Amino acid sequence: MEITEVRTWVIFYLISFVVLLAATFITTQSGSQLWISLTLIIVVVGVNFYLLFSELKRHQARKAFIHRMSQFEETETDVETGYLW
């Protein structure tokens, strides 16, 4: 995660925390609206897991790309210098 993306994540998790607090409040106030709070919790947790896994996939893809590019640069440098390793 880069430094510029930290603000987005902080805002997202603050909003998620507020939604979970609202779900807790709805649960404690009336038992008849339990399905609303359960739906809110499932949506927030599901979105968090989805974003976490997509961020991990993006990080792996970037790491693989950087690894491929570094191998390309090493091969190119060896050809230019005349060394056959």
C-alpha atoms as a PDB file:
ATOM      1  CA  MET A   1       0.000   0.000   0.000  1.00  0.00           C
ATOM      2  CA  GLU A   2       1.375   3.368  -0.926  1.00  0.00           C
ATOM      3  CA  ILE A   3       1.265   6.454   1.251  1.00  0.00           C
ATOM      4  CA  THR A   4      -1.299   8.215  -0.956  1.00  0.00           C
ATOM      5  CA  GLU A   5      -3.753   5.353  -0.505  1.00  0.00           C
ATOM      6  CA  VAL A   6      -3.698   5.502   3.306  1.00  0.00           C
ATOM      7  CA  ARG A   7      -6.226   8.331   3.453  1.00  0.00           C
ATOM      8  CA  THR A   8      -8.717   6.355   1.393  1.00  0.00           C
ATOM      9  CA  TRP A   9      -8.364   3.312   3.637  1.00  0.00           C
ATOM     10  CA  VAL A  10      -8.722   5.365   6.823  1.00  0.00           C
ATOM     11  CA  ILE A  11     -11.914   6.994   5.563  1.00  0.00           C
ATOM     12  CA  PHE A  12     -13.282   3.631   4.420  1.00  0.00           C
ATOM     13  CA  TYR A  13     -12.654   1.977   7.785  1.00  0.00           C
ATOM     14  CA  LEU A  14     -14.100   4.929   9.679  1.00  0.00           C
ATOM     15  CA  ILE A  15     -17.291   4.647   7.634  1.00  0.00           C
ATOM     16  CA  SER A  16     -17.319   0.884   8.241  1.00  0.00           C
ATOM     17  CA  PHE A  17     -16.941   1.464  11.980  1.00  0.00           C
ATOM     18  CA  VAL A  18     -19.853   3.912  11.995  1.00  0.00           C
ATOM     19  CA  VAL A  19     -22.051   1.419  10.125  1.00  0.00           C
ATOM     20  CA  LEU A  20     -21.181  -1.299  12.642  1.00  0.00           C
ATOM     21  CA  LEU A  21     -21.998   1.071  15.510  1.00  0.00           C
ATOM     22  CA  ALA A  22     -25.348   1.842  13.879  1.00  0.00           C
ATOM     23  CA  ALA A  23     -26.031  -1.885  13.530  1.00  0.00           C
ATOM     24  CA  THR A  24     -25.237  -2.373  17.216  1.00  0.00           C
ATOM     25  CA  PHE A  25     -27.535   0.498  18.136  1.00  0.00           C
ATOM     26  CA  ILE A  26     -30.381  -0.949  16.044  1.00  0.00           C
ATOM     27  CA  THR A  27     -29.886  -4.350  17.668  1.00  0.00           C
ATOM     28  CA  THR A  28     -30.031  -2.986  21.215  1.00  0.00           C
ATOM     29  CA  GLN A  29     -33.045  -0.711  20.631  1.00  0.00           C
ATOM     30  CA  SER A  30     -35.520  -3.154  19.165  1.00  0.00           C
ATOM     31  CA  GLY A  31     -35.411  -6.868  18.587  1.00  0.00           C
ATOM     32  CA  SER A  32     -37.840  -6.721  15.674  1.00  0.00           C
ATOM     33  CA  GLN A  33     -35.300  -4.999  13.402  1.00  0.00           C
ATOM     34  CA  LEU A  34     -32.593  -7.572  13.967  1.00  0.00           C
ATOM     35  CA  TRP A  35     -32.504  -8.465  10.277  1.00  0.00           C
ATOM     36  CA  ILE A  36     -31.523  -4.882   9.371  1.00  0.00           C
ATOM     37  CA  SER A  37     -28.509  -4.923  11.658  1.00  0.00           C
ATOM     38  CA  LEU A  38     -27.534  -8.417  10.507  1.00  0.00           C
ATOM     39  CA  THR A  39     -27.711  -7.293   6.874  1.00  0.00           C
ATOM     40  CA  LEU A  40     -25.554  -4.241   7.631  1.00  0.00           C
ATOM     41  CA  ILE A  41     -22.948  -6.371   9.368  1.00  0.00           C
ATOM     42  CA  ILE A  42     -22.838  -8.920   6.539  1.00  0.00           C
ATOM     43  CA  VAL A  43     -22.484  -6.193   3.906  1.00  0.00           C
ATOM     44  CA  VAL A  44     -19.701  -4.366   5.773  1.00  0.00           C
ATOM     45  CA  VAL A  45     -17.719  -7.531   6.519  1.00  0.00           C
ATOM     46  CA  GLY A  46     -18.202  -8.809   2.960  1.00  0.00           C
ATOM     47  CA  VAL A  47     -17.026  -5.558   1.386  1.00  0.00           C
ATOM     48  CA  ASN A  48     -14.017  -5.464   3.724  1.00  0.00           C
ATOM     49  CA  PHE A  49     -12.970  -9.002   2.779  1.00  0.00           C
ATOM     50  CA  TYR A  50     -13.506  -8.323  -0.924  1.00  0.00           C
ATOM     51  CA  LEU A  51     -11.371  -5.179  -0.838  1.00  0.00           C
ATOM     52  CA  LEU A  52      -8.684  -6.870   1.227  1.00  0.00           C
ATOM     53  CA  PHE A  53      -8.376  -9.789  -1.193  1.00  0.00           C
ATOM     54  CA  SER A  54      -8.401  -7.502  -4.232  1.00  0.00           C
ATOM     55  CA  GLU A  55      -5.656  -5.395  -2.653  1.00  0.00           C
ATOM     56  CA  LEU A  56      -3.586  -8.520  -1.993  1.00  0.00           C
ATOM     57  CA  LYS A  57      -4.066  -9.678  -5.603  1.00  0.00           C
ATOM     58  CA  ARG A  58      -3.044  -6.261  -6.899  1.00  0.00           C
ATOM     59  CA  HIS A  59       0.059  -6.307  -4.701  1.00  0.00           C
ATOM     60  CA  GLN A  60       1.027  -9.791  -5.943  1.00  0.00           C
ATOM     61  CA  ALA A  61       0.532  -8.736  -9.557  1.00  0.00           C
ATOM     62  CA  ARG A  62       2.703  -5.660  -9.063  1.00  0.00           C
ATOM     63  CA  LYS A  63       5.394  -7.722  -7.329  1.00  0.00           C
ATOM     64  CA  ALA A  64       5.409 -10.268 -10.186  1.00  0.00           C
ATOM     65  CA  PHE A  65       5.591  -7.453 -12.747  1.00  0.00           C
ATOM     66  CA  ILE A  66       8.554  -5.861 -10.973  1.00  0.00           C
ATOM     67  CA  HIS A  67      10.273  -9.260 -10.779  1.00  0.00           C
ATOM     68  CA  ARG A  68       9.773  -9.844 -14.527  1.00  0.00           C
ATOM     69  CA  MET A  69      11.038  -6.358 -15.358  1.00  0.00           C
ATOM     70  CA  SER A  70      14.140  -6.817 -13.221  1.00  0.00           C
ATOM     71  CA  GLN A  71      14.949 -10.067 -15.039  1.00  0.00           C
ATOM     72  CA  PHE A  72      14.475  -8.318 -18.378  1.00  0.00           C
ATOM     73  CA  GLU A  73      16.868  -5.541 -17.394  1.00  0.00           C
ATOM     74  CA  GLU A  74      19.509  -8.032 -16.212  1.00  0.00           C
ATOM     75  CA  THR A  75      19.346  -9.944 -19.510  1.00  0.00           C
ATOM     76  CA  GLU A  76      19.493  -6.746 -21.516  1.00  0.00           C
ATOM     77  CA  THR A  77      22.489  -5.452 -19.545  1.00  0.00           C
ATOM     78  CA  ASP A  78      24.399  -8.712 -20.003  1.00  0.00           C
ATOM     79  CA  VAL A  79      23.932  -8.610 -23.801  1.00  0.00           C
ATOM     80  CA  GLU A  80      25.071  -5.013 -24.013  1.00  0.00           C
ATOM     81  CA  THR A  81      28.292  -5.650 -22.112  1.00  0.00           C
ATOM     82  CA  GLY A  82      29.147  -8.751 -24.125  1.00  0.00           C
ATOM     83  CA  TYR A  83      29.157 -11.141 -21.191  1.00  0.00           C
ATOM     84  CA  LEU A  84      27.386 -14.425 -21.684  1.00  0.00           C
ATOM     85  CA  TRP A  85      26.453 -15.632 -18.223  1.00  0.00           C
END
